[in-house]
Protein backbone atom coordinates (compact mmCIF):
# COMPACT_ATOMS: atom_id res chain seq x y z
CA UNK A 1 126.91 135.98 104.78
CA UNK A 2 127.12 133.14 107.29
CA UNK A 3 130.49 132.15 108.74
CA UNK A 4 131.66 128.58 107.96
CA UNK A 5 132.11 127.65 111.62
CA UNK A 6 128.85 129.15 112.87
CA UNK A 7 125.77 127.10 113.75
CA UNK A 8 123.74 129.11 111.26
CA UNK A 9 125.72 127.64 108.36
CA UNK A 10 125.17 124.11 109.63
CA UNK A 11 121.46 124.64 110.14
CA UNK A 12 121.06 126.12 106.65
CA UNK A 13 122.80 123.10 105.11
CA UNK A 14 120.63 120.80 107.23
CA UNK A 15 117.48 122.58 106.04
CA UNK A 16 118.67 122.13 102.45
CA UNK A 17 119.28 118.37 102.68
CA UNK A 18 115.92 117.94 104.48
CA UNK A 19 114.12 118.98 101.30
CA UNK A 20 114.46 115.46 99.92
CA UNK A 21 112.50 113.48 102.55
CA UNK A 22 110.11 116.39 103.08
CA UNK A 23 109.13 116.41 99.40
CA UNK A 24 108.97 112.64 99.27
CA UNK A 25 106.80 111.99 102.30
CA UNK A 26 104.66 115.03 103.05
CA UNK A 27 101.81 114.20 100.64
CA UNK A 28 101.62 110.43 101.25
CA UNK A 29 98.56 110.71 103.58
CA UNK A 30 96.74 112.54 100.76
CA UNK A 31 97.16 109.87 98.07
CA UNK A 32 93.64 108.35 98.39
CA UNK A 33 91.97 111.75 98.17
CA UNK A 34 94.12 112.76 95.21
CA UNK A 35 92.91 109.70 93.30
CA UNK A 36 89.31 110.91 93.40
CA UNK A 37 90.10 114.62 92.99
CA UNK A 38 92.13 114.05 89.82
CA UNK A 39 89.85 111.39 88.38
CA UNK A 40 92.73 108.95 88.33
CA UNK A 41 93.34 105.35 89.32
CA UNK A 42 95.43 104.36 92.30
CA UNK A 43 98.16 103.07 89.99
CA UNK A 44 98.35 106.41 88.18
CA UNK A 45 98.68 108.34 91.41
CA UNK A 46 101.36 105.91 92.58
CA UNK A 47 103.37 106.95 89.51
CA UNK A 48 103.85 110.35 91.13
CA UNK A 49 106.08 108.51 93.62
CA UNK A 50 107.86 106.24 91.14
CA UNK A 51 108.62 109.02 88.66
CA UNK A 52 109.83 111.24 91.50
CA UNK A 53 112.20 108.52 92.71
CA UNK A 54 113.51 107.96 89.20
CA UNK A 55 114.15 111.68 88.64
CA UNK A 56 115.81 111.93 92.05
CA UNK A 57 118.15 109.03 91.40
CA UNK A 58 119.28 110.11 87.94
CA UNK A 59 119.62 113.83 88.72
CA UNK A 60 121.96 113.11 91.64
CA UNK A 61 124.60 111.88 89.21
CA UNK A 62 124.77 115.29 87.57
CA UNK A 63 124.07 117.64 90.47
CA UNK A 64 127.57 117.38 91.92
CA UNK A 65 129.45 117.88 88.62
CA UNK A 66 127.24 120.91 87.87
CA UNK A 67 128.24 122.42 91.21
CA UNK A 68 131.92 121.58 90.49
CA UNK A 69 131.60 123.45 87.19
CA UNK A 70 129.57 126.53 88.14
CA UNK A 71 129.95 126.77 91.90
CA UNK A 72 127.86 125.71 94.88
CA UNK A 73 125.70 128.84 95.20
CA UNK A 74 124.62 129.08 91.54
CA UNK A 75 123.79 125.38 91.48
CA UNK A 76 121.66 125.69 94.60
CA UNK A 77 119.92 128.89 93.52
CA UNK A 78 118.90 127.57 90.11
CA UNK A 79 117.87 124.23 91.56
CA UNK A 80 115.63 125.94 94.11
CA UNK A 81 113.99 127.96 91.32
CA UNK A 82 113.20 124.76 89.42
CA UNK A 83 111.98 123.11 92.62
CA UNK A 84 109.67 125.98 93.63
CA UNK A 85 108.15 126.36 90.16
CA UNK A 86 107.59 122.60 89.90
CA UNK A 87 105.97 122.59 93.34
CA UNK A 88 103.56 125.33 92.21
CA UNK A 89 102.72 123.20 89.17
CA UNK A 90 102.01 120.25 91.49
CA UNK A 91 99.69 122.37 93.61
CA UNK A 92 97.78 123.62 90.57
CA UNK A 93 97.62 120.34 88.63
CA UNK A 94 94.16 119.53 87.31
CA UNK A 95 94.95 116.04 86.01
CA UNK A 96 97.29 113.23 87.01
CA UNK A 97 99.46 113.55 83.90
CA UNK A 98 100.37 117.13 84.77
CA UNK A 99 101.06 116.12 88.36
CA UNK A 100 103.38 113.29 87.25
CA UNK A 101 105.34 115.64 84.98
CA UNK A 102 105.55 118.30 87.68
CA UNK A 103 106.77 115.75 90.22
CA UNK A 104 109.55 114.71 87.84
CA UNK A 105 110.65 118.35 87.47
CA UNK A 106 110.42 118.77 91.24
CA UNK A 107 112.77 115.81 91.71
CA UNK A 108 115.33 117.27 89.30
CA UNK A 109 115.53 120.47 91.34
CA UNK A 110 115.40 118.72 94.67
CA UNK A 111 118.30 116.37 93.83
CA UNK A 112 120.80 119.22 93.51
CA UNK A 113 119.51 120.85 96.70
CA UNK A 114 120.03 117.56 98.54
CA UNK A 115 123.48 116.75 97.12
CA UNK A 116 125.38 120.04 96.96
CA UNK A 117 125.38 120.77 100.74
CA UNK A 118 127.57 117.70 101.31
CA UNK A 119 130.09 119.08 98.84
CA UNK A 120 129.90 122.42 100.70
CA UNK A 121 130.89 120.63 103.90
CA UNK A 122 133.86 119.04 102.17
CA UNK A 123 134.88 122.45 100.80
CA UNK A 124 135.01 123.75 104.34
CA UNK A 125 136.21 120.86 106.48
CA UNK A 126 137.67 117.34 106.50
CA UNK A 127 137.75 114.40 108.88
CA UNK A 128 136.24 114.86 112.33
CA UNK A 129 135.28 118.52 111.77
CA UNK A 130 133.34 117.52 108.67
CA UNK A 131 131.73 114.64 110.59
CA UNK A 132 130.55 116.97 113.36
CA UNK A 133 128.99 119.33 110.84
CA UNK A 134 127.39 116.47 108.92
CA UNK A 135 126.10 115.00 112.18
CA UNK A 136 124.06 118.12 112.89
CA UNK A 137 122.83 118.19 109.28
CA UNK A 138 121.82 114.54 109.49
CA UNK A 139 119.87 115.32 112.67
CA UNK A 140 117.50 117.34 110.48
CA UNK A 141 117.62 114.74 107.70
CA UNK A 142 116.78 111.90 110.07
CA UNK A 143 113.79 113.69 111.57
CA UNK A 144 112.29 114.95 108.32
CA UNK A 145 110.98 111.63 106.92
CA UNK A 146 109.29 110.84 110.22
CA UNK A 147 107.74 114.28 110.75
CA UNK A 148 106.76 114.99 107.10
CA UNK A 149 103.77 112.57 106.92
CA UNK A 150 102.44 113.90 110.22
CA UNK A 151 102.63 117.49 108.98
CA UNK A 152 101.13 116.43 105.65
CA UNK A 153 98.18 114.72 107.32
CA UNK A 154 97.41 117.80 109.39
CA UNK A 155 97.61 120.09 106.34
CA UNK A 156 95.38 117.72 104.39
CA UNK A 157 92.69 117.64 107.07
CA UNK A 158 92.65 121.41 107.42
CA UNK A 159 93.22 122.66 103.88
CA UNK A 160 93.13 119.75 101.41
CA UNK A 161 95.78 117.86 99.49
CA UNK A 162 97.02 120.83 97.45
CA UNK A 163 98.20 122.55 100.63
CA UNK A 164 101.02 120.00 100.93
CA UNK A 165 102.55 121.27 97.71
CA UNK A 166 101.86 124.86 98.78
CA UNK A 167 103.85 124.17 101.92
CA UNK A 168 106.89 122.81 100.05
CA UNK A 169 106.69 125.74 97.61
CA UNK A 170 106.99 128.15 100.53
CA UNK A 171 109.81 126.06 101.96
CA UNK A 172 111.70 126.25 98.65
CA UNK A 173 111.25 130.03 98.40
CA UNK A 174 112.53 130.55 101.95
CA UNK A 175 115.55 128.36 101.21
CA UNK A 176 116.28 130.40 98.06
CA UNK A 177 116.30 133.58 100.11
CA UNK A 178 118.53 131.95 102.76
CA UNK A 179 121.04 130.76 100.14
CA UNK A 180 120.95 134.05 98.24
CA UNK A 181 121.68 136.20 101.27
CA UNK A 182 123.35 133.77 103.70
CA UNK A 183 125.50 131.19 101.90
CA UNK A 184 128.96 132.23 100.66
CA UNK A 185 130.55 130.47 97.70
CA UNK A 186 132.75 127.72 99.13
CA UNK A 187 134.26 126.30 95.92
CA UNK A 188 137.67 127.91 95.49
CA UNK A 189 138.23 127.05 91.84
CA UNK A 190 135.39 125.87 89.56
CA UNK A 191 136.38 123.04 87.26
CA UNK A 192 135.58 123.98 83.62
CA UNK A 193 135.85 120.31 82.60
CA UNK A 194 133.53 118.91 85.29
CA UNK A 195 130.64 118.34 82.87
CA UNK A 196 132.76 116.74 80.17
CA UNK A 197 131.37 113.16 79.93
CA UNK A 198 134.87 111.74 79.85
CA UNK A 199 135.85 113.72 82.92
CA UNK A 200 132.68 112.71 84.76
CA UNK A 201 133.25 109.04 83.99
CA UNK A 202 136.89 109.43 84.96
CA UNK A 203 135.96 111.02 88.29
CA UNK A 204 133.48 108.24 89.04
CA UNK A 205 136.01 105.58 88.09
CA UNK A 206 138.55 107.28 90.33
CA UNK A 207 136.38 107.09 93.44
CA UNK A 208 135.01 103.63 92.65
CA UNK A 209 138.58 102.36 92.38
CA UNK A 210 138.96 103.14 96.08
CA UNK A 211 137.97 100.22 98.26
CA UNK A 212 137.49 102.56 101.18
CA UNK A 213 135.15 104.84 99.25
CA UNK A 214 133.01 101.90 98.14
CA UNK A 215 133.02 100.56 101.68
CA UNK A 216 131.91 103.85 103.20
CA UNK A 217 129.19 104.25 100.56
CA UNK A 218 127.80 100.76 101.20
CA UNK A 219 127.95 101.40 104.93
CA UNK A 220 125.80 104.49 104.43
CA UNK A 221 123.50 102.65 102.02
CA UNK A 222 122.82 99.98 104.62
CA UNK A 223 121.83 102.54 107.26
CA UNK A 224 119.64 104.39 104.77
CA UNK A 225 118.03 101.13 103.65
CA UNK A 226 116.99 100.34 107.20
CA UNK A 227 115.32 103.76 107.51
CA UNK A 228 113.60 103.44 104.11
CA UNK A 229 112.39 99.92 104.96
CA UNK A 230 110.83 101.24 108.18
CA UNK A 231 109.17 104.16 106.40
CA UNK A 232 107.83 101.88 103.67
CA UNK A 233 106.39 99.29 106.02
CA UNK A 234 105.66 100.94 109.35
CA UNK A 235 102.19 102.29 108.51
CA UNK A 236 101.03 98.87 107.36
CA UNK A 237 102.64 97.18 110.37
CA UNK A 238 101.23 99.47 113.06
CA UNK A 239 97.80 100.16 111.55
CA UNK A 240 96.95 97.00 109.58
CA UNK A 241 98.96 94.27 111.31
CA UNK A 242 98.71 95.54 114.88
CA UNK A 243 95.41 97.43 114.73
CA UNK A 244 96.77 100.73 116.05
CA UNK A 245 95.05 103.99 115.15
CA UNK A 246 96.71 106.60 112.90
CA UNK A 247 97.16 108.82 115.96
CA UNK A 248 98.91 106.03 117.88
CA UNK A 249 101.06 105.41 114.84
CA UNK A 250 102.23 109.03 114.91
CA UNK A 251 103.17 108.63 118.58
CA UNK A 252 105.38 105.63 117.80
CA UNK A 253 106.95 107.55 114.92
CA UNK A 254 107.75 110.29 117.39
CA UNK A 255 109.37 107.75 119.72
CA UNK A 256 111.54 106.47 116.89
CA UNK A 257 112.55 109.99 115.93
CA UNK A 258 113.90 110.56 119.45
CA UNK A 259 116.60 108.04 118.57
CA UNK A 260 117.99 110.63 116.16
CA UNK A 261 118.52 113.07 119.03
CA UNK A 262 120.02 110.41 121.27
CA UNK A 263 122.37 109.21 118.53
CA UNK A 264 123.50 112.72 117.69
CA UNK A 265 124.31 113.49 121.31
CA UNK A 266 126.20 110.23 121.79
CA UNK A 267 128.13 110.58 118.53
CA UNK A 268 129.18 114.14 119.33
CA UNK A 269 130.47 113.02 122.71
CA UNK A 270 132.22 109.90 121.43
CA UNK A 271 133.81 111.25 118.23
CA UNK A 272 136.62 113.30 119.83
CA UNK A 273 137.41 110.46 122.22
CA UNK A 274 137.54 107.40 119.96
CA UNK A 275 137.89 108.84 116.46
CA UNK A 276 135.93 108.53 113.26
CA UNK A 277 136.41 104.91 112.32
CA UNK A 278 136.05 103.39 115.78
CA UNK A 279 132.76 105.23 116.14
CA UNK A 280 131.53 103.89 112.78
CA UNK A 281 132.60 100.36 113.77
CA UNK A 282 130.68 100.51 117.04
CA UNK A 283 127.64 102.09 115.43
CA UNK A 284 127.37 99.54 112.62
CA UNK A 285 127.52 96.82 115.25
CA UNK A 286 124.53 98.42 116.97
CA UNK A 287 122.71 98.73 113.62
CA UNK A 288 123.05 95.00 113.13
CA UNK A 289 122.05 94.17 116.72
CA UNK A 290 118.96 96.42 116.59
CA UNK A 291 117.83 94.93 113.28
CA UNK A 292 118.45 91.38 114.52
CA UNK A 293 116.38 92.06 117.64
CA UNK A 294 113.47 93.40 115.61
CA UNK A 295 113.64 90.46 113.20
CA UNK A 296 113.82 87.90 116.01
CA UNK A 297 110.75 89.35 117.72
CA UNK A 298 108.90 89.46 114.40
CA UNK A 299 109.65 85.85 113.51
CA UNK A 300 108.69 84.78 117.05
CA UNK A 301 105.25 86.27 116.37
CA UNK A 302 105.43 89.17 118.83
CA UNK A 303 102.82 91.73 117.69
CA UNK A 304 103.48 94.51 120.17
CA UNK A 305 104.20 98.04 118.88
CA UNK A 306 107.21 98.40 121.17
CA UNK A 307 108.72 95.26 119.60
CA UNK A 308 109.17 97.42 116.50
CA UNK A 309 109.51 100.92 117.94
CA UNK A 310 112.15 100.14 120.57
CA UNK A 311 114.63 98.37 118.23
CA UNK A 312 114.04 101.06 115.61
CA UNK A 313 114.78 103.76 118.19
CA UNK A 314 118.16 102.07 118.78
CA UNK A 315 118.68 101.65 115.02
CA UNK A 316 118.14 105.38 114.46
CA UNK A 317 120.56 106.26 117.26
CA UNK A 318 123.19 104.08 115.59
CA UNK A 319 122.26 105.60 112.21
CA UNK A 320 123.42 108.95 113.55
CA UNK A 321 126.71 107.39 114.64
CA UNK A 322 127.21 105.93 111.17
CA UNK A 323 125.99 108.11 108.32
CA UNK A 324 127.61 111.50 109.02
CA UNK A 325 130.94 109.90 109.91
CA UNK A 326 130.97 107.55 106.91
CA UNK A 327 130.05 110.47 104.63
CA UNK A 328 133.04 112.42 105.90
CA UNK A 329 135.25 109.35 105.48
CA UNK A 330 134.10 108.86 101.90
CA UNK A 331 134.52 112.50 100.77
CA UNK A 332 137.64 113.60 102.68
CA UNK A 333 140.18 112.18 100.17
CA UNK A 334 138.55 114.02 97.23
CA UNK A 335 138.59 117.80 97.80
CA UNK A 336 139.05 118.47 94.07
CA UNK A 337 135.99 116.42 92.98
CA UNK A 338 133.85 116.58 96.10
CA UNK A 339 130.72 117.30 94.06
CA UNK A 340 131.18 114.27 91.82
CA UNK A 341 132.04 112.03 94.76
CA UNK A 342 128.97 113.23 96.70
CA UNK A 343 126.70 112.75 93.69
CA UNK A 344 127.78 109.19 93.05
CA UNK A 345 127.55 108.38 96.75
CA UNK A 346 123.99 109.72 96.94
CA UNK A 347 122.97 107.90 93.77
CA UNK A 348 124.25 104.51 94.99
CA UNK A 349 122.78 104.76 98.48
CA UNK A 350 119.44 105.97 97.11
CA UNK A 351 119.15 103.17 94.54
CA UNK A 352 119.88 100.52 97.16
CA UNK A 353 117.61 102.05 99.83
CA UNK A 354 114.75 102.67 97.40
CA UNK A 355 114.99 99.09 96.14
CA UNK A 356 114.77 97.77 99.69
CA UNK A 357 111.71 99.94 100.36
CA UNK A 358 110.06 98.69 97.18
CA UNK A 359 110.61 95.08 98.21
CA UNK A 360 109.11 95.76 101.63
CA UNK A 361 105.98 97.18 100.00
CA UNK A 362 105.52 94.22 97.69
CA UNK A 363 106.33 91.63 100.37
CA UNK A 364 103.91 92.85 103.05
CA UNK A 365 101.95 89.82 104.24
CA UNK A 366 100.00 91.25 107.17
CA UNK A 367 102.87 90.73 109.60
CA UNK A 368 105.99 92.50 110.82
CA UNK A 369 108.31 89.95 109.22
CA UNK A 370 109.05 91.55 105.81
CA UNK A 371 109.90 94.95 107.26
CA UNK A 372 111.92 93.55 110.15
CA UNK A 373 113.82 91.22 107.83
CA UNK A 374 114.70 94.15 105.59
CA UNK A 375 115.94 96.18 108.56
CA UNK A 376 118.28 93.42 109.73
CA UNK A 377 119.51 92.87 106.17
CA UNK A 378 120.25 96.59 105.96
CA UNK A 379 122.13 96.55 109.26
CA UNK A 380 124.10 93.53 108.10
CA UNK A 381 125.14 95.37 104.91
CA UNK A 382 126.54 98.27 106.95
CA UNK A 383 128.25 95.95 109.42
CA UNK A 384 129.92 93.79 106.77
CA UNK A 385 130.79 96.55 104.29
CA UNK A 386 132.64 98.58 106.89
CA UNK A 387 134.65 95.65 108.17
CA UNK A 388 135.51 94.04 104.85
CA UNK A 389 136.02 97.10 102.67
CA UNK A 390 137.05 99.95 104.97
CA UNK A 391 138.99 98.42 107.82
CA UNK A 392 140.89 95.98 105.61
CA UNK A 393 141.99 98.85 103.40
CA UNK A 394 142.85 101.18 106.29
CA UNK A 395 145.32 103.96 105.42
CA UNK A 396 148.62 104.33 107.17
CA UNK A 397 147.32 107.48 108.85
CA UNK A 398 143.80 106.91 110.18
CA UNK A 399 141.07 109.30 109.04
CA UNK A 400 140.29 111.40 112.09
């Protein structure tokens, strides 16, 4: 079994949370081909995304309480079984209806795999130690949505669209083996009442009654929304609006992903020196500034790729100084209901971020403006939520 303070534990948890963006984005380049192969319309194939997002959002509410009731390892192992079987069904689907149903089942399994590792971190650590562990995990999470479409496109060209689901099936099986033989149970005392509807509602009311918890969650949701807005609009912006090739687009995605590495390195260096909340305050300021720069260039009519990629690089660096630290700040006060607190946090941030991405898709007008406006709005949410809800309700002893 892996030791709690070893890098192997952190990397395993990072690989687990990365399953969400990997499953979401890897098959996007294959959507046009899937339409013809399955004899479906574009709208029907698009439902494989919408249904997946719906299943993801709802399942997150229950994934944490299930892990509070039965333990972290059993929840992860059973979720990975569901995920792998559903991924096989996706790969073998002969019609779009089967694919839609399999994607829904895939989302149900994936949601637990994405949520429970955060509760594992809270079981092991609090404050700055939790933030450092989450920072490394978020390094993987931040890269995955950028890399996944590139990997998916390569698999599609070489082996066809079904290979994308074959890849995630293999990923799920490898994760099951890693959890089975490498992850110790971190929950000290399972809560037999965790799945009681009254208890669940009570736990959610308890955390939502905390102004700081709500503030941290909205801070995270803003950072996530900026990332989702970029992912939803960047292909249209670079390829359609700016006339770049798909290969050039992948290069700019790679540039943006380097911001994740830069932000992780800076956050790790700054956290012991200035503390959790000062780092979040500085990072949310940078989120806002990066989004404002992108929006200003867009509304001035600048149609250069670097006018998008450079501000987004900075945004992603600030993302890594915000999300892991705010996650630790949100979960630290709730060691007894960490699963429930993590589930609700994930549900709220996902609903907000997915809504922003949906608006970006509908609002695309052949320019950079809708995406850039969404990114600055997302940065503003993080900036304002942290200052109005977290700092104004600061505890007597700062969270460090």
